[in-house]
Amino acid sequence: MQKILTTELLDILISQGFRYCLSRTTSIFGDDADLCITLMPVKRAPSLKKLPERYDTYFKIDEEPRQMAMGIDETIVLVDLSEINIYAKVS
């Protein structure tokens, strides 16, 4: 399941112990956006040398992702929740 990144979602993830987000950027051809950034929350700092194949970098969850939640022109920012369990309703 993927959700649009919001500050509310970030706060839920932080409260449940997530401290970093793996990140991948892809080009898209949409009416509203040219880029899609997909974030995957993780609890431990990943190694840049051993990132999962689909991801190209990572961020501290309360830094760049917090700025991304405020909006980036012509960019959609999604959070991949398919591999984690969160304990609050995410709308």
PDB file of N, CA and C in Angstrom:
ATOM      1  N   MET A   1       0.841  -1.168   0.000  1.00  0.00           N
ATOM      2  CA  MET A   1       0.000   0.000   0.000  1.00  0.00           C
ATOM      3  C   MET A   1       0.895   1.242   0.000  1.00  0.00           C
ATOM      4  N   GLN A   2       0.576   2.172  -0.865  1.00  0.00           N
ATOM      5  CA  GLN A   2       1.302   3.429  -0.914  1.00  0.00           C
ATOM      6  C   GLN A   2       0.355   4.574  -0.582  1.00  0.00           C
ATOM      7  N   LYS A   3       0.866   5.520   0.197  1.00  0.00           N
ATOM      8  CA  LYS A   3       0.087   6.693   0.594  1.00  0.00           C
ATOM      9  C   LYS A   3       0.876   7.947   0.258  1.00  0.00           C
ATOM     10  N   ILE A   4       0.157   9.020  -0.014  1.00  0.00           N
ATOM     11  CA  ILE A   4       0.792  10.323  -0.211  1.00  0.00           C
ATOM     12  C   ILE A   4       1.419  10.751   1.110  1.00  0.00           C
ATOM     13  N   LEU A   5       2.620  11.274   1.045  1.00  0.00           N
ATOM     14  CA  LEU A   5       3.324  11.726   2.245  1.00  0.00           C
ATOM     15  C   LEU A   5       2.647  12.962   2.830  1.00  0.00           C
ATOM     16  N   THR A   6       2.361  12.898   4.132  1.00  0.00           N
ATOM     17  CA  THR A   6       1.815  14.046   4.864  1.00  0.00           C
ATOM     18  C   THR A   6       2.594  14.175   6.171  1.00  0.00           C
ATOM     19  N   THR A   7       2.497  15.331   6.793  1.00  0.00           N
ATOM     20  CA  THR A   7       3.158  15.496   8.086  1.00  0.00           C
ATOM     21  C   THR A   7       2.506  14.601   9.136  1.00  0.00           C
ATOM     22  N   GLU A   8       1.206  14.378   9.028  1.00  0.00           N
ATOM     23  CA  GLU A   8       0.508  13.476   9.959  1.00  0.00           C
ATOM     24  C   GLU A   8       1.068  12.058   9.853  1.00  0.00           C
ATOM     25  N   LEU A   9       1.242  11.576   8.640  1.00  0.00           N
ATOM     26  CA  LEU A   9       1.804  10.244   8.440  1.00  0.00           C
ATOM     27  C   LEU A   9       3.228  10.168   8.996  1.00  0.00           C
ATOM     28  N   LEU A  10       4.034  11.191   8.752  1.00  0.00           N
ATOM     29  CA  LEU A  10       5.394  11.222   9.313  1.00  0.00           C
ATOM     30  C   LEU A  10       5.367  11.129  10.829  1.00  0.00           C
ATOM     31  N   ASP A  11       4.481  11.882  11.466  1.00  0.00           N
ATOM     32  CA  ASP A  11       4.386  11.855  12.926  1.00  0.00           C
ATOM     33  C   ASP A  11       4.015  10.467  13.441  1.00  0.00           C
ATOM     34  N   ILE A  12       3.111   9.783  12.748  1.00  0.00           N
ATOM     35  CA  ILE A  12       2.739   8.419  13.137  1.00  0.00           C
ATOM     36  C   ILE A  12       3.947   7.491  13.022  1.00  0.00           C
ATOM     37  N   LEU A  13       4.666   7.589  11.917  1.00  0.00           N
ATOM     38  CA  LEU A  13       5.830   6.730  11.712  1.00  0.00           C
ATOM     39  C   LEU A  13       6.908   6.995  12.762  1.00  0.00           C
ATOM     40  N   ILE A  14       7.165   8.254  13.049  1.00  0.00           N
ATOM     41  CA  ILE A  14       8.169   8.613  14.056  1.00  0.00           C
ATOM     42  C   ILE A  14       7.751   8.075  15.424  1.00  0.00           C
ATOM     43  N   SER A  15       6.477   8.192  15.765  1.00  0.00           N
ATOM     44  CA  SER A  15       6.004   7.713  17.070  1.00  0.00           C
ATOM     45  C   SER A  15       6.133   6.196  17.200  1.00  0.00           C
ATOM     46  N   GLN A  16       6.220   5.504  16.081  1.00  0.00           N
ATOM     47  CA  GLN A  16       6.347   4.052  16.107  1.00  0.00           C
ATOM     48  C   GLN A  16       7.787   3.579  15.898  1.00  0.00           C
ATOM     49  N   GLY A  17       8.731   4.512  15.985  1.00  0.00           N
ATOM     50  CA  GLY A  17      10.136   4.136  15.987  1.00  0.00           C
ATOM     51  C   GLY A  17      10.866   4.195  14.665  1.00  0.00           C
ATOM     52  N   PHE A  18      10.222   4.640  13.620  1.00  0.00           N
ATOM     53  CA  PHE A  18      10.906   4.752  12.335  1.00  0.00           C
ATOM     54  C   PHE A  18      11.769   6.005  12.355  1.00  0.00           C
ATOM     55  N   ARG A  19      13.025   5.878  11.941  1.00  0.00           N
ATOM     56  CA  ARG A  19      13.977   6.987  12.020  1.00  0.00           C
ATOM     57  C   ARG A  19      14.570   7.391  10.664  1.00  0.00           C
ATOM     58  N   TYR A  20      14.412   6.546   9.664  1.00  0.00           N
ATOM     59  CA  TYR A  20      14.994   6.804   8.344  1.00  0.00           C
ATOM     60  C   TYR A  20      13.996   6.410   7.264  1.00  0.00           C
ATOM     61  N   CYS A  21      14.215   6.921   6.064  1.00  0.00           N
ATOM     62  CA  CYS A  21      13.418   6.534   4.897  1.00  0.00           C
ATOM     63  C   CYS A  21      14.361   6.213   3.751  1.00  0.00           C
ATOM     64  N   LEU A  22      14.238   5.010   3.227  1.00  0.00           N
ATOM     65  CA  LEU A  22      14.904   4.709   1.966  1.00  0.00           C
ATOM     66  C   LEU A  22      14.180   5.509   0.890  1.00  0.00           C
ATOM     67  N   SER A  23      14.885   5.887  -0.163  1.00  0.00           N
ATOM     68  CA  SER A  23      14.271   6.737  -1.180  1.00  0.00           C
ATOM     69  C   SER A  23      14.653   6.291  -2.580  1.00  0.00           C
ATOM     70  N   ARG A  24      13.675   6.360  -3.477  1.00  0.00           N
ATOM     71  CA  ARG A  24      13.955   6.159  -4.903  1.00  0.00           C
ATOM     72  C   ARG A  24      13.182   7.206  -5.683  1.00  0.00           C
ATOM     73  N   THR A  25      13.784   7.693  -6.732  1.00  0.00           N
ATOM     74  CA  THR A  25      13.188   8.725  -7.569  1.00  0.00           C
ATOM     75  C   THR A  25      13.009   8.167  -8.969  1.00  0.00           C
ATOM     76  N   THR A  26      11.812   8.323  -9.507  1.00  0.00           N
ATOM     77  CA  THR A  26      11.534   7.856 -10.857  1.00  0.00           C
ATOM     78  C   THR A  26      10.873   8.973 -11.662  1.00  0.00           C
ATOM     79  N   SER A  27      11.097   8.947 -12.956  1.00  0.00           N
ATOM     80  CA  SER A  27      10.422   9.879 -13.864  1.00  0.00           C
ATOM     81  C   SER A  27       9.041   9.334 -14.181  1.00  0.00           C
ATOM     82  N   ILE A  28       8.063  10.225 -14.224  1.00  0.00           N
ATOM     83  CA  ILE A  28       6.709   9.832 -14.599  1.00  0.00           C
ATOM     84  C   ILE A  28       6.184  10.825 -15.624  1.00  0.00           C
ATOM     85  N   PHE A  29       5.133  10.440 -16.283  1.00  0.00           N
ATOM     86  CA  PHE A  29       4.509  11.319 -17.256  1.00  0.00           C
ATOM     87  C   PHE A  29       3.068  11.551 -16.815  1.00  0.00           C
ATOM     88  N   GLY A  30       2.896  12.485 -15.919  1.00  0.00           N
ATOM     89  CA  GLY A  30       1.574  12.775 -15.393  1.00  0.00           C
ATOM     90  C   GLY A  30       1.172  14.200 -15.682  1.00  0.00           C
ATOM     91  N   ASP A  31      -0.084  14.480 -15.483  1.00  0.00           N
ATOM     92  CA  ASP A  31      -0.585  15.839 -15.696  1.00  0.00           C
ATOM     93  C   ASP A  31      -0.055  16.788 -14.624  1.00  0.00           C
ATOM     94  N   ASP A  32       0.116  16.283 -13.398  1.00  0.00           N
ATOM     95  CA  ASP A  32       0.503  17.130 -12.281  1.00  0.00           C
ATOM     96  C   ASP A  32       1.968  17.020 -11.885  1.00  0.00           C
ATOM     97  N   ALA A  33       2.677  16.000 -12.391  1.00  0.00           N
ATOM     98  CA  ALA A  33       4.036  15.767 -11.898  1.00  0.00           C
ATOM     99  C   ALA A  33       4.924  15.134 -12.961  1.00  0.00           C
ATOM    100  N   ASP A  34       6.215  15.400 -12.823  1.00  0.00           N
ATOM    101  CA  ASP A  34       7.226  14.800 -13.692  1.00  0.00           C
ATOM    102  C   ASP A  34       8.073  13.775 -12.953  1.00  0.00           C
ATOM    103  N   LEU A  35       8.062  13.853 -11.611  1.00  0.00           N
ATOM    104  CA  LEU A  35       8.859  12.946 -10.782  1.00  0.00           C
ATOM    105  C   LEU A  35       7.998  12.312  -9.711  1.00  0.00           C
ATOM    106  N   CYS A  36       8.391  11.112  -9.325  1.00  0.00           N
ATOM    107  CA  CYS A  36       7.766  10.449  -8.194  1.00  0.00           C
ATOM    108  C   CYS A  36       8.883  10.005  -7.250  1.00  0.00           C
ATOM    109  N   ILE A  37       8.799  10.443  -6.009  1.00  0.00           N
ATOM    110  CA  ILE A  37       9.737  10.006  -4.985  1.00  0.00           C
ATOM    111  C   ILE A  37       8.976   9.028  -4.102  1.00  0.00           C
ATOM    112  N   THR A  38       9.523   7.835  -3.956  1.00  0.00           N
ATOM    113  CA  THR A  38       8.908   6.829  -3.102  1.00  0.00           C
ATOM    114  C   THR A  38       9.820   6.597  -1.912  1.00  0.00           C
ATOM    115  N   LEU A  39       9.249   6.722  -0.725  1.00  0.00           N
ATOM    116  CA  LEU A  39       9.989   6.544   0.514  1.00  0.00           C
ATOM    117  C   LEU A  39       9.539   5.261   1.204  1.00  0.00           C
ATOM    118  N   MET A  40      10.481   4.552   1.816  1.00  0.00           N
ATOM    119  CA  MET A  40      10.152   3.378   2.623  1.00  0.00           C
ATOM    120  C   MET A  40      10.735   3.581   4.010  1.00  0.00           C
ATOM    121  N   PRO A  41       9.890   3.698   5.026  1.00  0.00           N
ATOM    122  CA  PRO A  41      10.370   3.920   6.384  1.00  0.00           C
ATOM    123  C   PRO A  41      11.127   2.697   6.918  1.00  0.00           C
ATOM    124  N   VAL A  42      12.227   2.972   7.625  1.00  0.00           N
ATOM    125  CA  VAL A  42      13.004   1.926   8.296  1.00  0.00           C
ATOM    126  C   VAL A  42      13.414   2.441   9.669  1.00  0.00           C
ATOM    127  N   LYS A  43      13.689   1.521  10.573  1.00  0.00           N
ATOM    128  CA  LYS A  43      14.014   1.921  11.946  1.00  0.00           C
ATOM    129  C   LYS A  43      15.505   2.103  12.181  1.00  0.00           C
ATOM    130  N   ARG A  44      16.328   1.459  11.385  1.00  0.00           N
ATOM    131  CA  ARG A  44      17.781   1.556  11.564  1.00  0.00           C
ATOM    132  C   ARG A  44      18.421   2.217  10.354  1.00  0.00           C
ATOM    133  N   ALA A  45      19.540   2.872  10.599  1.00  0.00           N
ATOM    134  CA  ALA A  45      20.259   3.546   9.509  1.00  0.00           C
ATOM    135  C   ALA A  45      20.792   2.508   8.526  1.00  0.00           C
ATOM    136  N   PRO A  46      20.401   2.612   7.275  1.00  0.00           N
ATOM    137  CA  PRO A  46      20.919   1.692   6.268  1.00  0.00           C
ATOM    138  C   PRO A  46      22.338   2.073   5.858  1.00  0.00           C
ATOM    139  N   SER A  47      23.045   1.130   5.292  1.00  0.00           N
ATOM    140  CA  SER A  47      24.369   1.388   4.744  1.00  0.00           C
ATOM    141  C   SER A  47      24.215   1.814   3.285  1.00  0.00           C
ATOM    142  N   LEU A  48      24.867   2.905   2.912  1.00  0.00           N
ATOM    143  CA  LEU A  48      24.794   3.339   1.503  1.00  0.00           C
ATOM    144  C   LEU A  48      25.348   2.287   0.558  1.00  0.00           C
ATOM    145  N   LYS A  49      26.282   1.478   1.032  1.00  0.00           N
ATOM    146  CA  LYS A  49      26.878   0.434   0.194  1.00  0.00           C
ATOM    147  C   LYS A  49      25.962  -0.774   0.043  1.00  0.00           C
ATOM    148  N   LYS A  50      24.967  -0.908   0.935  1.00  0.00           N
ATOM    149  CA  LYS A  50      24.101  -2.092   0.904  1.00  0.00           C
ATOM    150  C   LYS A  50      22.622  -1.719   0.862  1.00  0.00           C
ATOM    151  N   LEU A  51      22.285  -0.675   0.133  1.00  0.00           N
ATOM    152  CA  LEU A  51      20.878  -0.299  -0.011  1.00  0.00           C
ATOM    153  C   LEU A  51      20.146  -1.362  -0.822  1.00  0.00           C
ATOM    154  N   PRO A  52      18.867  -1.601  -0.519  1.00  0.00           N
ATOM    155  CA  PRO A  52      18.092  -2.505  -1.378  1.00  0.00           C
ATOM    156  C   PRO A  52      18.154  -2.021  -2.821  1.00  0.00           C
ATOM    157  N   GLU A  53      18.109  -2.941  -3.727  1.00  0.00           N
ATOM    158  CA  GLU A  53      18.335  -2.664  -5.152  1.00  0.00           C
ATOM    159  C   GLU A  53      17.486  -1.531  -5.720  1.00  0.00           C
ATOM    160  N   ARG A  54      16.242  -1.418  -5.316  1.00  0.00           N
ATOM    161  CA  ARG A  54      15.345  -0.411  -5.901  1.00  0.00           C
ATOM    162  C   ARG A  54      15.581   0.995  -5.370  1.00  0.00           C
ATOM    163  N   TYR A  55      16.361   1.147  -4.318  1.00  0.00           N
ATOM    164  CA  TYR A  55      16.523   2.449  -3.669  1.00  0.00           C
ATOM    165  C   TYR A  55      17.889   3.037  -3.962  1.00  0.00           C
ATOM    166  N   ASP A  56      17.942   4.385  -4.038  1.00  0.00           N
ATOM    167  CA  ASP A  56      19.203   5.034  -4.393  1.00  0.00           C
ATOM    168  C   ASP A  56      19.816   5.848  -3.265  1.00  0.00           C
ATOM    169  N   THR A  57      19.060   6.141  -2.211  1.00  0.00           N
ATOM    170  CA  THR A  57      19.613   6.876  -1.073  1.00  0.00           C
ATOM    171  C   THR A  57      18.679   6.714   0.121  1.00  0.00           C
ATOM    172  N   TYR A  58      19.002   7.388   1.219  1.00  0.00           N
ATOM    173  CA  TYR A  58      18.102   7.414   2.364  1.00  0.00           C
ATOM    174  C   TYR A  58      18.225   8.749   3.076  1.00  0.00           C
ATOM    175  N   PHE A  59      17.211   9.062   3.882  1.00  0.00           N
ATOM    176  CA  PHE A  59      17.156  10.315   4.626  1.00  0.00           C
ATOM    177  C   PHE A  59      16.762  10.038   6.067  1.00  0.00           C
ATOM    178  N   LYS A  60      17.146  10.930   6.973  1.00  0.00           N
ATOM    179  CA  LYS A  60      16.570  10.903   8.314  1.00  0.00           C
ATOM    180  C   LYS A  60      15.119  11.314   8.167  1.00  0.00           C
ATOM    181  N   ILE A  61      14.234  10.609   8.826  1.00  0.00           N
ATOM    182  CA  ILE A  61      12.797  10.787   8.593  1.00  0.00           C
ATOM    183  C   ILE A  61      12.297  12.189   8.937  1.00  0.00           C
ATOM    184  N   ASP A  62      12.964  12.864   9.867  1.00  0.00           N
ATOM    185  CA  ASP A  62      12.457  14.173  10.280  1.00  0.00           C
ATOM    186  C   ASP A  62      13.185  15.336   9.598  1.00  0.00           C
ATOM    187  N   GLU A  63      13.957  15.037   8.582  1.00  0.00           N
ATOM    188  CA  GLU A  63      14.645  16.115   7.868  1.00  0.00           C
ATOM    189  C   GLU A  63      14.050  16.273   6.468  1.00  0.00           C
ATOM    190  N   GLU A  64      14.668  15.706   5.446  1.00  0.00           N
ATOM    191  CA  GLU A  64      14.179  15.896   4.075  1.00  0.00           C
ATOM    192  C   GLU A  64      12.727  15.460   3.889  1.00  0.00           C
ATOM    193  N   PRO A  65      12.324  14.287   4.434  1.00  0.00           N
ATOM    194  CA  PRO A  65      10.912  13.922   4.258  1.00  0.00           C
ATOM    195  C   PRO A  65       9.937  14.941   4.861  1.00  0.00           C
ATOM    196  N   ARG A  66      10.309  15.585   5.938  1.00  0.00           N
ATOM    197  CA  ARG A  66       9.444  16.611   6.535  1.00  0.00           C
ATOM    198  C   ARG A  66       9.271  17.758   5.527  1.00  0.00           C
ATOM    199  N   GLN A  67      10.351  18.128   4.850  1.00  0.00           N
ATOM    200  CA  GLN A  67      10.265  19.183   3.834  1.00  0.00           C
ATOM    201  C   GLN A  67       9.448  18.710   2.636  1.00  0.00           C
ATOM    202  N   MET A  68       9.626  17.446   2.252  1.00  0.00           N
ATOM    203  CA  MET A  68       8.873  16.896   1.125  1.00  0.00           C
ATOM    204  C   MET A  68       7.379  16.891   1.405  1.00  0.00           C
ATOM    205  N   ALA A  69       6.996  16.671   2.654  1.00  0.00           N
ATOM    206  CA  ALA A  69       5.579  16.631   3.015  1.00  0.00           C
ATOM    207  C   ALA A  69       4.902  17.984   2.809  1.00  0.00           C
ATOM    208  N   MET A  70       5.690  19.044   2.795  1.00  0.00           N
ATOM    209  CA  MET A  70       5.152  20.384   2.560  1.00  0.00           C
ATOM    210  C   MET A  70       4.881  20.632   1.079  1.00  0.00           C
ATOM    211  N   GLY A  71       5.390  19.732   0.229  1.00  0.00           N
ATOM    212  CA  GLY A  71       5.144  19.825  -1.203  1.00  0.00           C
ATOM    213  C   GLY A  71       6.375  20.206  -1.994  1.00  0.00           C
ATOM    214  N   ILE A  72       6.508  19.582  -3.140  1.00  0.00           N
ATOM    215  CA  ILE A  72       7.588  19.868  -4.086  1.00  0.00           C
ATOM    216  C   ILE A  72       6.925  20.050  -5.442  1.00  0.00           C
ATOM    217  N   ASP A  73       7.238  21.137  -6.118  1.00  0.00           N
ATOM    218  CA  ASP A  73       6.638  21.406  -7.422  1.00  0.00           C
ATOM    219  C   ASP A  73       6.857  20.238  -8.373  1.00  0.00           C
ATOM    220  N   GLU A  74       5.775  19.851  -9.051  1.00  0.00           N
ATOM    221  CA  GLU A  74       5.784  18.830 -10.088  1.00  0.00           C
ATOM    222  C   GLU A  74       6.360  17.499  -9.635  1.00  0.00           C
ATOM    223  N   THR A  75       6.170  17.176  -8.349  1.00  0.00           N
ATOM    224  CA  THR A  75       6.677  15.929  -7.786  1.00  0.00           C
ATOM    225  C   THR A  75       5.626  15.324  -6.862  1.00  0.00           C
ATOM    226  N   ILE A  76       5.420  14.026  -7.008  1.00  0.00           N
ATOM    227  CA  ILE A  76       4.553  13.274  -6.112  1.00  0.00           C
ATOM    228  C   ILE A  76       5.460  12.536  -5.138  1.00  0.00           C
ATOM    229  N   VAL A  77       5.151  12.622  -3.856  1.00  0.00           N
ATOM    230  CA  VAL A  77       5.937  11.911  -2.848  1.00  0.00           C
ATOM    231  C   VAL A  77       5.031  10.895  -2.169  1.00  0.00           C
ATOM    232  N   LEU A  78       5.407   9.613  -2.316  1.00  0.00           N
ATOM    233  CA  LEU A  78       4.633   8.512  -1.758  1.00  0.00           C
ATOM    234  C   LEU A  78       5.417   7.823  -0.659  1.00  0.00           C
ATOM    235  N   VAL A  79       4.703   7.187   0.258  1.00  0.00           N
ATOM    236  CA  VAL A  79       5.321   6.360   1.291  1.00  0.00           C
ATOM    237  C   VAL A  79       4.843   4.934   1.057  1.00  0.00           C
ATOM    238  N   ASP A  80       5.792   4.025   0.891  1.00  0.00           N
ATOM    239  CA  ASP A  80       5.482   2.610   0.695  1.00  0.00           C
ATOM    240  C   ASP A  80       5.299   1.960   2.060  1.00  0.00           C
ATOM    241  N   LEU A  81       4.075   1.592   2.374  1.00  0.00           N
ATOM    242  CA  LEU A  81       3.753   0.988   3.664  1.00  0.00           C
ATOM    243  C   LEU A  81       3.529  -0.513   3.547  1.00  0.00           C
ATOM    244  N   SER A  82       3.825  -1.094   2.387  1.00  0.00           N
ATOM    245  CA  SER A  82       3.504  -2.499   2.138  1.00  0.00           C
ATOM    246  C   SER A  82       4.311  -3.467   2.996  1.00  0.00           C
ATOM    247  N   GLU A  83       5.500  -3.087   3.434  1.00  0.00           N
ATOM    248  CA  GLU A  83       6.339  -4.003   4.197  1.00  0.00           C
ATOM    249  C   GLU A  83       6.386  -3.692   5.687  1.00  0.00           C
ATOM    250  N   ILE A  84       5.547  -2.766   6.148  1.00  0.00           N
ATOM    251  CA  ILE A  84       5.556  -2.420   7.566  1.00  0.00           C
ATOM    252  C   ILE A  84       4.139  -2.435   8.114  1.00  0.00           C
ATOM    253  N   ASN A  85       4.051  -2.564   9.419  1.00  0.00           N
ATOM    254  CA  ASN A  85       2.757  -2.454  10.103  1.00  0.00           C
ATOM    255  C   ASN A  85       2.754  -1.161  10.884  1.00  0.00           C
ATOM    256  N   ILE A  86       1.769  -0.326  10.638  1.00  0.00           N
ATOM    257  CA  ILE A  86       1.623   0.864  11.456  1.00  0.00           C
ATOM    258  C   ILE A  86       0.365   0.710  12.280  1.00  0.00           C
ATOM    259  N   TYR A  87       0.389   1.290  13.464  1.00  0.00           N
ATOM    260  CA  TYR A  87      -0.655   1.031  14.448  1.00  0.00           C
ATOM    261  C   TYR A  87      -1.613   2.199  14.633  1.00  0.00           C
ATOM    262  N   ALA A  88      -1.829   2.940  13.580  1.00  0.00           N
ATOM    263  CA  ALA A  88      -2.793   4.030  13.613  1.00  0.00           C
ATOM    264  C   ALA A  88      -3.447   4.102  12.249  1.00  0.00           C
ATOM    265  N   LYS A  89      -4.636   4.607  12.220  1.00  0.00           N
ATOM    266  CA  LYS A  89      -5.333   4.744  10.946  1.00  0.00           C
ATOM    267  C   LYS A  89      -4.684   5.861  10.149  1.00  0.00           C
ATOM    268  N   VAL A  90      -4.293   5.513   8.918  1.00  0.00           N
ATOM    269  CA  VAL A  90      -3.687   6.489   8.010  1.00  0.00           C
ATOM    270  C   VAL A  90      -4.714   6.792   6.939  1.00  0.00           C
ATOM    271  N   SER A  91      -5.143   8.032   6.892  1.00  0.00           N
ATOM    272  CA  SER A  91      -6.165   8.399   5.889  1.00  0.00           C
ATOM    273  C   SER A  91      -5.529   8.902   4.625  1.00  0.00           C
TER     274      SER A  91
END
